[in-house]
Protein backbone atom coordinates (compact mmCIF):
# COMPACT_ATOMS: atom_id res chain seq x y z
CA MET A 1 -48.09 147.33 210.55
CA VAL A 2 -48.11 147.15 206.75
CA LYS A 3 -44.95 144.99 206.91
CA TYR A 4 -46.80 142.34 208.88
CA PHE A 5 -49.43 142.06 206.13
CA ILE A 6 -46.99 142.02 203.16
CA ILE A 7 -44.87 139.07 204.34
CA PRO A 8 -47.78 136.58 204.58
CA ILE A 9 -49.01 137.78 201.19
CA ILE A 10 -45.58 137.15 199.63
CA ILE A 11 -45.40 133.67 201.17
CA LEU A 12 -48.87 132.91 199.90
CA LEU A 13 -47.93 134.05 196.40
CA VAL A 14 -44.83 131.85 196.45
CA LEU A 15 -46.85 128.82 197.53
CA VAL A 16 -49.45 129.46 194.88
CA THR A 17 -46.72 129.78 192.22
CA ILE A 18 -45.09 126.51 193.31
CA ALA A 19 -48.46 124.76 193.32
CA PHE A 20 -49.16 126.08 189.83
CA LEU A 21 -45.80 124.84 188.55
CA PHE A 22 -46.30 121.38 190.06
CA ARG A 23 -49.81 121.23 188.61
CA ARG A 24 -48.55 122.15 185.12
CA LYS A 25 -45.80 119.50 185.37
CA HIS A 26 -48.30 116.76 186.26
CA ILE A 27 -50.71 117.84 183.55
CA ARG A 28 -47.87 117.53 181.02
CA GLU A 29 -47.02 114.03 182.35
CA ILE A 30 -50.71 113.02 182.05
CA GLY A 31 -50.61 114.16 178.42
CA ILE A 32 -47.58 111.99 177.74
CA LEU A 33 -49.16 108.93 179.37
CA GLU A 34 -52.40 109.53 177.47
CA ASN A 35 -50.49 109.66 174.18
CA GLU A 36 -48.60 106.41 174.96
CA LYS A 37 -51.88 104.68 175.81
CA LEU A 38 -53.48 105.85 172.55
CA GLN A 39 -50.51 104.60 170.50
CA ILE A 40 -51.02 101.12 171.95
CA GLN A 41 -54.79 101.23 171.47
CA ASN A 42 -54.50 102.40 167.87
CA LYS A 43 -51.99 99.72 166.88
CA PRO A 44 -53.82 97.43 164.40
CA ILE A 45 -52.95 94.23 166.20
CA PHE A 46 -56.18 92.45 165.27
CA GLU A 47 -55.59 93.34 161.59
CA GLU A 48 -52.06 91.93 161.86
CA MET A 49 -53.41 88.73 163.38
CA MET A 50 -55.71 88.31 160.39
CA LYS A 51 -52.60 87.42 158.35
CA VAL A 52 -52.66 84.09 160.13
CA LYS A 53 -56.01 83.38 158.48
CA GLN A 54 -54.06 82.79 155.27
CA LEU A 55 -52.43 79.80 156.93
CA ASN A 56 -53.89 76.46 157.92
CA MET A 57 -55.86 77.37 161.02
CA THR A 58 -55.26 74.11 162.80
CA GLY A 59 -52.90 72.79 165.45
CA GLU A 60 -50.17 75.10 166.57
CA THR A 61 -51.37 77.98 164.37
CA GLU A 62 -54.88 77.88 165.75
CA GLU A 63 -53.63 77.64 169.34
CA LYS A 64 -51.33 80.65 168.91
CA PHE A 65 -54.03 82.69 167.17
CA GLU A 66 -56.52 82.09 169.99
CA ARG A 67 -53.93 82.92 172.63
CA TRP A 68 -52.88 86.14 170.88
CA ARG A 69 -56.53 87.21 170.45
CA ASN A 70 -57.34 86.55 174.09
CA GLU A 71 -54.23 88.34 175.29
CA TRP A 72 -54.86 91.43 173.15
CA THR A 73 -58.56 91.45 174.05
CA GLU A 74 -57.50 91.51 177.69
CA VAL A 75 -55.23 94.46 176.97
CA ILE A 76 -57.97 96.44 175.18
CA ASP A 77 -60.95 95.48 177.34
CA ILE A 78 -59.37 95.31 180.80
CA HIS A 79 -56.00 97.04 180.99
CA MET A 80 -56.82 100.07 178.86
CA PRO A 81 -60.03 100.95 180.82
CA LYS A 82 -58.09 100.56 184.05
CA ILE A 83 -55.45 102.97 182.74
CA ASP A 84 -58.20 105.44 181.75
CA SER A 85 -59.62 105.22 185.27
CA LEU A 86 -56.22 105.84 186.82
CA LEU A 87 -55.61 108.85 184.55
CA PHE A 88 -58.96 110.32 185.67
CA ASP A 89 -57.96 109.76 189.32
CA VAL A 90 -54.66 111.52 188.74
CA GLU A 91 -56.43 114.53 187.27
CA ASP A 92 -58.62 114.69 190.36
CA MET A 93 -55.56 114.45 192.63
CA ILE A 94 -53.93 117.32 190.77
CA ASP A 95 -56.98 119.48 191.08
CA ARG A 96 -56.90 118.86 194.82
CA PHE A 97 -53.10 119.49 194.94
CA LYS A 98 -52.31 115.92 196.07
CA PHE A 99 -49.10 115.89 194.07
CA LYS A 100 -47.37 113.10 196.00
CA LYS A 101 -50.24 110.66 195.40
CA ALA A 102 -50.41 111.83 191.80
CA THR A 103 -46.74 111.01 191.27
CA GLN A 104 -47.21 107.49 192.67
CA ALA A 105 -50.26 106.95 190.50
CA GLU A 106 -48.37 108.15 187.40
CA LYS A 107 -45.66 105.58 188.09
CA ASP A 108 -48.33 102.88 188.32
CA ILE A 109 -49.86 104.00 185.00
CA HIS A 110 -46.42 104.06 183.32
CA GLU A 111 -45.73 100.48 184.46
CA ARG A 112 -49.13 99.28 183.20
CA ILE A 113 -48.50 100.94 179.83
CA ARG A 114 -45.04 99.31 179.69
CA GLN A 115 -46.57 95.87 180.33
CA CYS A 116 -49.14 96.44 177.58
CA GLU A 117 -46.36 97.57 175.20
CA LYS A 118 -44.37 94.46 176.05
CA LYS A 119 -47.38 92.22 175.40
CA LYS A 120 -47.93 93.97 172.04
CA ASP A 121 -44.30 93.40 171.00
CA GLU A 122 -44.42 89.72 172.05
CA ILE A 123 -47.57 89.09 170.01
CA LEU A 124 -46.15 90.84 166.91
CA SER A 125 -42.82 89.01 167.24
CA GLU A 126 -44.48 85.58 167.49
CA LEU A 127 -46.87 86.51 164.71
CA ASN A 128 -44.08 87.57 162.35
CA GLU A 129 -42.08 84.48 163.23
CA LEU A 130 -45.00 82.22 162.42
CA VAL A 131 -45.93 83.95 159.16
CA GLY A 132 -42.25 84.27 158.19
CA SER A 133 -41.63 80.61 158.95
CA GLU A 134 -44.44 79.57 156.63
CA GLU A 135 -43.00 81.66 153.77
CA LYS A 136 -39.40 80.56 154.39
CA ASN A 137 -40.49 76.94 154.71
CA ARG A 138 -42.35 77.04 151.41
CA ILE A 139 -39.48 78.67 149.45
CA GLU A 140 -36.70 76.57 150.97
CA MET A 141 -38.66 73.33 150.71
CA GLU A 142 -39.16 73.92 147.00
CA LYS A 143 -35.38 74.27 146.62
CA LEU A 144 -34.79 71.15 148.70
CA ARG A 145 -37.21 69.07 146.65
CA GLU A 146 -35.53 70.29 143.46
CA GLN A 147 -32.11 69.51 144.96
CA TYR A 148 -33.37 66.04 145.88
CA ARG A 149 -34.77 65.39 142.36
CA LEU A 150 -31.54 66.60 140.73
CA ALA A 151 -29.42 64.40 143.01
CA ARG A 152 -31.50 61.31 142.25
CA LYS A 153 -31.40 62.07 138.53
CA THR A 154 -27.62 62.54 138.57
CA ILE A 155 -27.00 59.26 140.39
CA LEU A 156 -29.30 57.29 138.08
CA ALA A 157 -27.84 58.83 134.93
CA HIS A 158 -24.18 58.41 135.96
CA GLN A 159 -24.07 55.27 138.09
CA HIS A 160 -20.72 54.28 136.64
CA ALA A 161 -19.20 57.51 137.99
CA PHE A 162 -20.31 56.69 141.54
CA GLY A 163 -19.26 53.01 141.59
CA THR A 164 -19.86 51.26 144.90
CA THR A 165 -21.22 54.45 146.46
CA VAL A 166 -24.50 54.21 144.49
CA GLU A 167 -26.31 52.10 147.12
CA PRO A 168 -25.29 54.18 150.16
CA LEU A 169 -26.16 57.36 148.23
CA GLU A 170 -29.61 55.97 147.39
CA ARG A 171 -30.12 55.07 151.05
CA GLU A 172 -29.17 58.63 151.92
CA LEU A 173 -31.73 59.88 149.40
CA GLU A 174 -34.40 57.58 150.79
CA SER A 175 -33.91 59.14 154.22
CA PHE A 176 -35.32 62.39 152.78
CA THR A 177 -38.74 60.89 152.00
CA PRO A 178 -40.06 60.48 155.57
CA LYS A 179 -38.81 63.98 156.37
CA PHE A 180 -40.72 65.39 153.41
CA GLU A 181 -43.84 63.57 154.56
CA GLU A 182 -43.40 64.78 158.13
CA TYR A 183 -43.00 68.33 156.87
CA ASP A 184 -46.17 68.10 154.77
CA GLU A 185 -48.14 66.73 157.72
CA LEU A 186 -46.90 69.44 160.12
CA THR A 187 -47.69 72.15 157.56
CA ALA A 188 -51.16 70.74 156.93
CA ASN A 189 -51.81 70.79 160.67
CA GLY A 190 -50.62 74.39 160.99
CA ASN A 191 -47.46 73.47 162.93
CA TYR A 192 -45.21 75.81 160.93
CA LEU A 193 -42.55 76.30 163.60
CA LEU A 194 -42.04 72.56 164.03
CA ALA A 195 -41.99 72.28 160.25
CA ARG A 196 -39.26 74.93 160.27
CA GLU A 197 -37.03 72.60 162.26
CA ILE A 198 -37.52 69.89 159.61
CA VAL A 199 -36.54 72.36 156.86
CA ILE A 200 -33.35 73.38 158.67
CA SER A 201 -32.41 69.73 159.22
CA LEU A 202 -33.08 68.83 155.56
CA ALA A 203 -31.07 71.86 154.35
CA SER A 204 -28.02 70.57 156.20
CA LYS A 205 -28.50 67.05 154.80
CA GLY A 206 -29.03 68.53 151.34
CA ASP A 207 -25.73 70.41 151.46
CA GLN A 208 -23.94 67.25 152.57
CA LEU A 209 -25.56 65.26 149.78
CA SER A 210 -24.58 67.87 147.18
CA ALA A 211 -21.00 67.74 148.41
CA LEU A 212 -20.99 63.94 148.12
CA ILE A 213 -22.36 64.00 144.58
CA HIS A 214 -19.84 66.67 143.59
CA ASP A 215 -16.73 65.08 145.15
CA ILE A 216 -17.26 61.32 144.82
CA PRO A 217 -16.76 61.04 141.02
CA SER A 218 -13.43 62.92 141.12
CA LEU A 219 -12.27 60.94 144.18
CA LEU A 220 -13.15 57.67 142.49
CA THR A 221 -11.28 58.81 139.37
CA ASP A 222 -8.22 59.55 141.52
CA LEU A 223 -8.39 56.29 143.47
CA GLN A 224 -9.27 53.98 140.58
CA ASN A 225 -7.49 55.62 137.62
CA LYS A 226 -5.15 58.57 138.13
CA ILE A 227 -3.17 57.35 141.15
CA PRO A 228 -2.86 53.71 139.92
CA THR A 229 -1.75 55.03 136.52
CA ALA A 230 0.83 57.27 138.18
CA ILE A 231 2.08 54.30 140.23
CA ARG A 232 2.53 52.23 137.07
CA GLU A 233 4.37 55.12 135.39
CA LEU A 234 6.66 55.55 138.38
CA ARG A 235 7.43 51.82 138.49
CA ASN A 236 8.15 51.66 134.78
CA GLY A 237 10.10 54.91 134.83
CA SER A 238 12.24 53.87 137.79
CA LYS A 239 13.01 50.49 136.13
CA GLU A 240 13.99 52.28 132.93
CA MET A 241 16.25 54.66 134.85
CA GLU A 242 17.86 51.80 136.79
CA SER A 243 18.64 50.12 133.47
CA GLN A 244 20.47 53.34 132.56
CA SER A 245 22.71 53.11 135.65
CA TYR A 246 20.60 55.34 137.93
CA ASN A 247 20.76 54.37 141.58
CA LEU A 248 17.35 54.96 143.17
CA GLU A 249 17.61 52.91 146.34
CA HIS A 250 17.50 56.00 148.54
CA LEU A 251 13.98 56.81 147.26
CA GLU A 252 12.56 53.44 148.43
CA LEU A 253 10.01 53.65 145.62
CA PRO A 254 8.81 49.99 145.67
CA LYS A 255 7.99 50.18 149.37
CA GLN A 256 6.31 53.58 149.18
CA LEU A 257 4.27 52.75 146.08
CA HIS A 258 3.05 49.56 147.75
CA GLU A 259 1.98 51.63 150.78
CA ILE A 260 -0.04 53.91 148.51
CA GLU A 261 -1.72 50.93 146.83
CA SER A 262 -2.76 49.62 150.23
CA GLU A 263 -4.03 53.07 151.14
CA ILE A 264 -6.11 53.16 147.94
CA ALA A 265 -7.99 49.99 149.00
CA GLU A 266 -8.68 51.46 152.46
CA GLN A 267 -9.95 54.74 151.03
CA LEU A 268 -12.29 52.96 148.59
CA ILE A 269 -13.89 51.20 151.56
CA LYS A 270 -14.25 54.52 153.42
CA LEU A 271 -15.69 56.15 150.31
CA SER A 272 -18.34 53.42 150.11
CA ALA A 273 -19.25 54.41 153.67
CA LEU A 274 -19.48 58.05 152.44
CA GLU A 275 -16.67 59.20 154.78
CA ILE A 276 -15.94 61.98 152.33
CA ASP A 277 -13.85 64.34 154.50
CA SER A 278 -11.38 61.65 155.54
CA VAL A 279 -11.03 60.37 151.97
CA LEU A 280 -10.47 63.89 150.60
CA GLN A 281 -7.59 64.45 153.01
CA LYS A 282 -5.95 61.09 152.24
CA VAL A 283 -6.28 61.48 148.46
CA THR A 284 -4.64 64.91 148.70
CA GLU A 285 -1.78 63.39 150.70
CA MET A 286 -1.35 60.55 148.17
CA ASN A 287 -1.27 62.97 145.24
CA ASP A 288 1.34 65.07 147.06
CA ARG A 289 3.49 61.97 147.59
CA ILE A 290 3.12 60.98 143.92
CA ASP A 291 4.21 64.49 142.87
CA SER A 292 7.23 64.30 145.18
CA PHE A 293 8.30 61.00 143.55
CA TYR A 294 8.10 62.53 140.08
CA GLU A 295 10.16 65.49 141.32
CA ALA A 296 12.73 63.13 142.87
CA LEU A 297 13.15 61.17 139.61
CA GLU A 298 13.38 64.41 137.64
CA ASN A 299 15.99 65.64 140.11
CA GLU A 300 18.06 62.51 139.51
CA VAL A 301 17.97 63.13 135.75
CA ASN A 302 18.96 66.78 136.18
CA SER A 303 21.70 65.79 138.64
CA ARG A 304 23.14 63.34 136.12
CA HIS A 305 23.20 66.07 133.46
CA TYR A 306 25.02 68.35 135.90
CA VAL A 307 27.57 65.68 136.81
CA ASP A 308 28.17 64.75 133.18
CA ARG A 309 28.63 68.39 132.15
CA ASN A 310 30.75 69.59 135.06
CA PHE A 311 32.69 66.62 136.46
CA ASN A 312 35.73 66.86 134.18
CA GLU A 313 35.68 70.66 134.19
CA ILE A 314 35.75 70.78 138.00
CA GLY A 315 38.60 68.23 137.95
CA GLU A 316 40.57 70.53 135.66
CA ASP A 317 39.78 73.50 137.89
CA LEU A 318 41.08 71.52 140.85
CA MET A 319 44.38 70.86 139.05
CA ASN A 320 44.75 74.45 137.82
CA ILE A 321 43.94 76.01 141.18
CA ALA A 322 46.33 73.61 142.93
CA GLN A 323 49.08 74.59 140.50
CA PHE A 324 48.29 78.29 140.92
CA THR A 325 48.33 77.90 144.71
CA ARG A 326 51.74 76.21 144.66
CA GLU A 327 53.09 78.96 142.42
CA THR A 328 51.64 81.61 144.70
CA SER A 329 53.20 79.81 147.68
CA ASP A 330 56.64 79.84 146.01
CA GLU A 331 56.21 83.49 145.08
CA ALA A 332 55.23 84.32 148.68
CA VAL A 333 58.47 82.76 149.92
CA TYR A 334 60.45 84.89 147.44
CA VAL A 335 58.49 88.08 148.17
CA GLN A 336 58.91 87.70 151.92
CA GLN A 337 62.68 88.07 151.43
CA SER A 338 62.01 91.70 150.47
CA TYR A 339 58.63 92.49 151.93
CA ARG A 340 56.87 91.62 155.13
CA LEU A 341 53.43 89.95 154.79
CA ASP A 342 51.01 89.88 157.71
CA GLU A 343 50.63 86.56 159.49
CA LYS A 344 47.31 85.66 157.84
CA GLU A 345 48.64 86.35 154.32
CA ALA A 346 51.85 84.45 154.99
CA GLN A 347 49.96 81.35 156.20
CA LEU A 348 47.31 81.41 153.47
CA PRO A 349 49.16 79.44 150.72
CA GLY A 350 50.08 76.61 153.08
CA ALA A 351 46.55 76.40 154.49
CA ASN A 352 45.01 76.35 151.02
CA ILE A 353 47.42 73.65 149.83
CA LYS A 354 46.15 71.44 152.66
CA LYS A 355 42.53 72.22 151.75
CA LEU A 356 43.24 71.34 148.13
CA GLU A 357 44.73 68.00 149.16
CA VAL A 358 41.49 67.21 151.00
CA LEU A 359 39.41 68.32 148.00
CA GLN A 360 41.52 66.13 145.72
CA LYS A 361 40.77 63.10 147.89
CA ARG A 362 37.07 63.90 147.84
CA TYR A 363 37.18 64.27 144.06
CA ASP A 364 39.03 60.96 143.67
CA THR A 365 36.33 59.32 145.78
CA LEU A 366 33.71 60.74 143.42
CA VAL A 367 35.58 59.23 140.49
CA VAL A 368 35.32 55.80 142.08
CA MET A 369 31.63 56.28 142.97
CA ILE A 370 30.77 57.26 139.40
CA GLU A 371 32.70 54.33 137.94
CA GLU A 372 31.02 51.87 140.29
CA GLU A 373 27.55 53.35 139.55
CA GLY A 374 26.54 52.70 143.15
CA SER A 375 25.44 56.15 144.20
CA ALA A 376 22.51 58.45 143.52
CA TYR A 377 23.33 61.24 141.10
CA SER A 378 21.65 63.76 143.41
CA ALA A 379 24.22 62.90 146.11
CA LEU A 380 27.07 63.08 143.56
CA GLN A 381 25.82 66.48 142.37
CA GLU A 382 25.63 67.84 145.91
CA GLU A 383 29.20 66.74 146.67
CA LEU A 384 30.48 68.05 143.35
CA LYS A 385 28.82 71.44 143.95
CA GLN A 386 30.41 71.69 147.40
CA ILE A 387 33.86 70.93 145.93
CA SER A 388 33.28 73.56 143.22
CA GLU A 389 32.22 76.20 145.77
CA GLU A 390 35.24 75.54 148.01
CA LEU A 391 37.54 75.67 144.96
CA GLU A 392 36.09 79.05 144.02
CA THR A 393 36.75 80.36 147.54
CA ILE A 394 40.37 79.17 147.46
CA ALA A 395 40.91 80.60 143.96
CA ASN A 396 39.59 84.01 145.06
CA GLU A 397 41.85 84.01 148.14
CA GLN A 398 44.93 83.09 146.10
CA GLN A 399 44.13 85.65 143.41
CA SER A 400 43.76 88.33 146.08
CA LEU A 401 47.12 87.34 147.61
CA ALA A 402 48.83 87.33 144.21
CA SER A 403 47.48 90.82 143.47
CA ARG A 404 48.60 92.00 146.88
CA MET A 405 52.16 90.71 146.34
CA LYS A 406 52.27 92.21 142.84
CA ASN A 407 51.28 95.61 144.22
CA LEU A 408 53.93 95.61 146.96
CA ARG A 409 56.61 96.94 144.60
CA ILE A 410 54.17 99.53 143.22
CA ASP A 411 53.21 100.57 146.77
CA GLU A 412 56.91 100.91 147.69
CA ASN A 413 57.59 103.14 144.68
CA ASN A 414 54.54 105.25 145.55
CA VAL A 415 55.82 105.75 149.11
CA ARG A 416 59.29 106.75 147.84
CA THR A 417 57.83 109.16 145.29
CA GLN A 418 55.58 110.80 147.87
CA LEU A 419 58.47 110.97 150.35
CA ASP A 420 60.58 112.87 147.80
CA GLU A 421 57.70 115.24 147.13
CA LEU A 422 57.20 115.89 150.86
CA ALA A 423 60.92 116.58 151.31
CA ARG A 424 60.78 119.04 148.40
CA GLN A 425 57.75 120.80 149.93
CA LEU A 426 59.49 121.05 153.31
CA GLN A 427 62.67 122.49 151.75
CA ALA A 428 60.58 124.99 149.78
CA ALA A 429 58.81 126.09 152.98
CA ASP A 430 62.18 126.47 154.75
CA ARG A 431 63.62 128.52 151.89
CA LYS A 432 60.51 130.73 151.81
CA LEU A 433 60.99 131.46 155.51
CA HIS A 434 64.65 132.40 155.15
CA ARG A 435 64.00 134.52 152.09
CA GLY A 436 60.95 136.16 153.56
CA ASN A 437 62.77 139.33 154.74
CA ILE A 438 61.60 138.81 158.31
CA PRO A 439 63.54 139.61 161.48
CA GLY A 440 63.81 135.98 162.41
CA ILE A 441 62.08 132.62 162.75
CA PRO A 442 60.13 131.93 165.96
CA ASP A 443 61.16 128.96 168.07
CA GLU A 444 57.73 127.41 167.58
CA MET A 445 58.20 127.43 163.81
CA ASP A 446 61.66 125.90 164.15
CA ALA A 447 60.13 123.14 166.28
CA ARG A 448 57.49 122.45 163.60
CA LEU A 449 60.16 122.27 160.90
CA GLU A 450 62.19 119.83 162.98
CA GLU A 451 59.12 117.68 163.67
CA ALA A 452 58.34 117.48 159.96
CA ASP A 453 61.95 116.57 159.21
CA GLU A 454 61.79 113.80 161.85
CA GLN A 455 58.62 112.38 160.33
CA LEU A 456 60.25 112.27 156.89
CA TYR A 457 63.24 110.53 158.46
CA LEU A 458 60.95 107.87 159.96
CA VAL A 459 59.46 107.20 156.54
CA SER A 460 62.93 106.95 155.02
CA GLN A 461 64.11 104.59 157.76
CA SER A 462 61.04 102.35 157.38
CA LEU A 463 61.91 101.98 153.68
CA GLN A 464 65.36 100.71 154.63
CA GLU A 465 64.02 97.75 156.60
CA VAL A 466 64.45 94.25 155.18
CA PRO A 467 61.96 92.72 154.74
CA LEU A 468 60.08 95.92 154.05
CA ASN A 469 56.85 96.50 156.00
CA ILE A 470 54.79 98.47 153.46
CA ALA A 471 51.86 98.93 155.88
CA ALA A 472 54.17 100.59 158.45
CA ALA A 473 55.83 102.73 155.79
CA GLU A 474 52.42 103.93 154.52
CA SER A 475 51.36 104.72 158.09
CA TYR A 476 54.53 106.82 158.67
CA LEU A 477 53.95 108.50 155.32
CA ALA A 478 50.39 109.51 156.26
CA THR A 479 51.65 111.13 159.47
CA ALA A 480 54.44 112.93 157.59
CA GLU A 481 51.95 114.26 155.01
CA ALA A 482 49.80 115.76 157.76
CA VAL A 483 52.78 117.39 159.51
CA VAL A 484 54.28 118.86 156.30
CA LYS A 485 50.87 120.19 155.25
CA ASP A 486 50.52 121.86 158.65
CA VAL A 487 54.03 123.38 158.39
CA ASN A 488 53.29 124.82 154.94
CA GLY A 489 50.12 126.38 156.26
CA LYS A 490 51.89 127.90 159.27
CA VAL A 491 54.69 129.31 157.08
CA GLU A 492 52.18 131.02 154.78
CA GLU A 493 50.28 132.35 157.77
CA LEU A 494 53.49 133.70 159.41
CA LEU A 495 54.66 135.49 156.25
CA GLU A 496 51.24 137.02 155.69
CA ASN A 497 51.13 138.23 159.31
CA VAL A 498 54.61 139.81 158.98
CA MET A 499 53.55 141.69 155.87
CA LEU A 500 50.29 142.76 157.55
CA ILE A 501 52.16 144.02 160.65
CA GLU A 502 54.47 146.13 158.51
CA ARG A 503 51.54 147.68 156.63
CA ILE A 504 49.61 148.39 159.86
CA ILE A 505 52.61 150.12 161.42
CA GLN A 506 53.16 152.15 158.25
CA TYR A 507 49.44 153.06 158.27
CA GLY A 508 49.59 154.05 161.96
CA ASN A 509 52.67 156.23 161.61
CA ARG A 510 50.44 159.10 160.42
CA TYR A 511 48.88 159.31 163.91
CA ARG A 512 52.08 159.07 165.99
CA ALA A 513 52.83 162.74 166.13
CA SER A 514 49.33 163.67 167.25
CA ASN A 515 48.49 160.67 169.41
CA SER A 516 50.93 159.68 172.15
CA ALA A 517 48.89 156.56 173.05
CA MET A 518 49.07 155.39 169.46
CA HIS A 519 52.81 156.09 169.42
CA GLU A 520 53.30 154.04 172.59
CA SER A 521 51.23 151.11 171.28
CA LEU A 522 53.12 150.99 168.01
CA LEU A 523 56.44 151.07 169.90
CA ASN A 524 55.29 147.99 171.81
CA ALA A 525 54.24 146.29 168.58
CA GLU A 526 57.61 147.05 166.99
CA GLU A 527 59.41 145.60 170.01
CA SER A 528 57.36 142.39 169.82
CA PHE A 529 58.11 142.24 166.09
CA ARG A 530 61.87 142.45 166.70
CA GLN A 531 61.53 139.63 169.26
CA PHE A 532 59.88 137.38 166.57
CA ARG A 533 56.61 137.49 168.52
CA TYR A 534 54.60 138.16 165.40
CA ALA A 535 51.17 137.14 166.68
CA LYS A 536 51.47 139.52 169.64
CA ALA A 537 52.85 142.30 167.44
CA LEU A 538 49.89 141.92 165.06
CA GLU A 539 47.40 142.09 167.90
CA GLU A 540 49.01 145.20 169.46
CA ALA A 541 49.31 147.08 166.16
CA ALA A 542 45.80 146.21 165.00
CA THR A 543 44.27 147.21 168.36
CA ALA A 544 46.08 150.59 168.29
CA VAL A 545 44.98 151.47 164.76
CA GLU A 546 41.36 150.33 165.26
CA ALA A 547 41.16 152.42 168.45
CA VAL A 548 41.99 155.58 166.47
CA GLU A 549 40.34 154.66 163.15
CA PRO A 550 37.66 151.96 163.34
CA GLY A 551 37.56 149.81 160.18
CA ALA A 552 41.17 150.52 159.33
CA MET A 553 42.14 146.82 159.50
CA LYS A 554 39.63 145.89 156.85
CA ARG A 555 40.92 148.59 154.50
CA ILE A 556 44.54 147.54 155.05
CA GLN A 557 43.72 143.89 154.28
CA GLU A 558 41.90 144.90 151.09
CA MET A 559 44.94 146.96 150.03
CA LEU A 560 47.18 143.93 150.53
CA LYS A 561 44.90 141.78 148.41
CA GLU A 562 44.98 144.32 145.60
CA HIS A 563 48.81 144.35 145.57
CA ALA A 564 49.21 140.58 146.06
């Protein structure tokens, strides 16, 4: 029976606990909403709005001030009391455990607070914009008026520097006056935001005016003095150079200078219309063209110096290289009776002789062109440089061929000397084998000796060929060197193995009487030794000794080194 009473009590306790938790949650939410409401109420919005009183309370300023005051009064007098009432209702709902209605009411309160917060931010933003606009307008307008006064003063004091642009500049200055007046009227009427638009517009015009005043004098100087002076200098300089036999027709200076003069007149008209950006670009282009003409004339002078200094020298080089090439060609014919040249080397002298004939014709043409004084020195220099470069290439090729032919005899002697040395080494290896006190020479070693002898024979035969092919002989020699080196190594290895086998067998003899297996293994090793199978004999003897006395091989090898 007790069980039936406990269960309802437990359920009741659970429900009470849940209700208590929900109630505490809602009370906490009410506290948060209450705090948010107080933050809005305590914001000194009316004090902030009093800043506007420092301004002219007319027109736009007065309208905004009244609107802000009405809107904030509505927030404080209507919305805030309504929020207080709703908060009181929520508390009542919580006390009566109407949590669902309380939640809905809390959402409604939160939204009302958010709307009040939004209205507060809008008022402060507009307020700061208005007050800030007044301050910015005042500071920037002072700068603009000073910029205007300085511009007018500069134009009046330096009219000669502005030429025909004085009148359009003054008209531009006059356009500032009505804007200043409009600004003053808007400010007096409290229309600071509209006045702000005037300030921004005047700031842009002021920057443009400053740019005009800064750039126009230098542009006029370029168009009226510097460029015309440069044109006169170029005309006089080109006439002077032509009188000194310079040919400048390819530069077309008269035509191009006339084009620039026409362009100057057009740009002066545009400058009078204050089309500053277009004029700046064109003046830059004209100055670049002028600079290029100076560079072209200077290049002609430098080219003449080059031609005068190098023309005869290159002519002598042409003659000397042609003579050297013919001599090399004759030498190649003689050398090829004894030595074989590859196809490219053999054809090189003839090909270069033909190239030199072409270069001679080009040089002769230059001689005529210089005598007739009908060509630009820059073109003569370019052609002369090309001839010089091609001559240098031919000279290098011929020098390389001459050195190659000179070295053929040296290369032949080197091959013969090395062949004799290899033959001596092979004979020494053969003698060492036959005097080595060994049972006999294995067939494999005989084959290696024969191969080495054949390779030496091939080298010898290649040296007998007429004409001699040095490249082939050197190739045979390289193969022979490798084979002889290998044979020498194998001979040394064989003799060392024979000596090692003998010592191992001598060392193992001490165990023969007591160890029949050792005795049998050494008998096999001795049989292999008598059959010239030295590698097998070494393996059998070493295995037998190591089986009885591990480490014996190492001691035997050390003993051999000590007595070597």
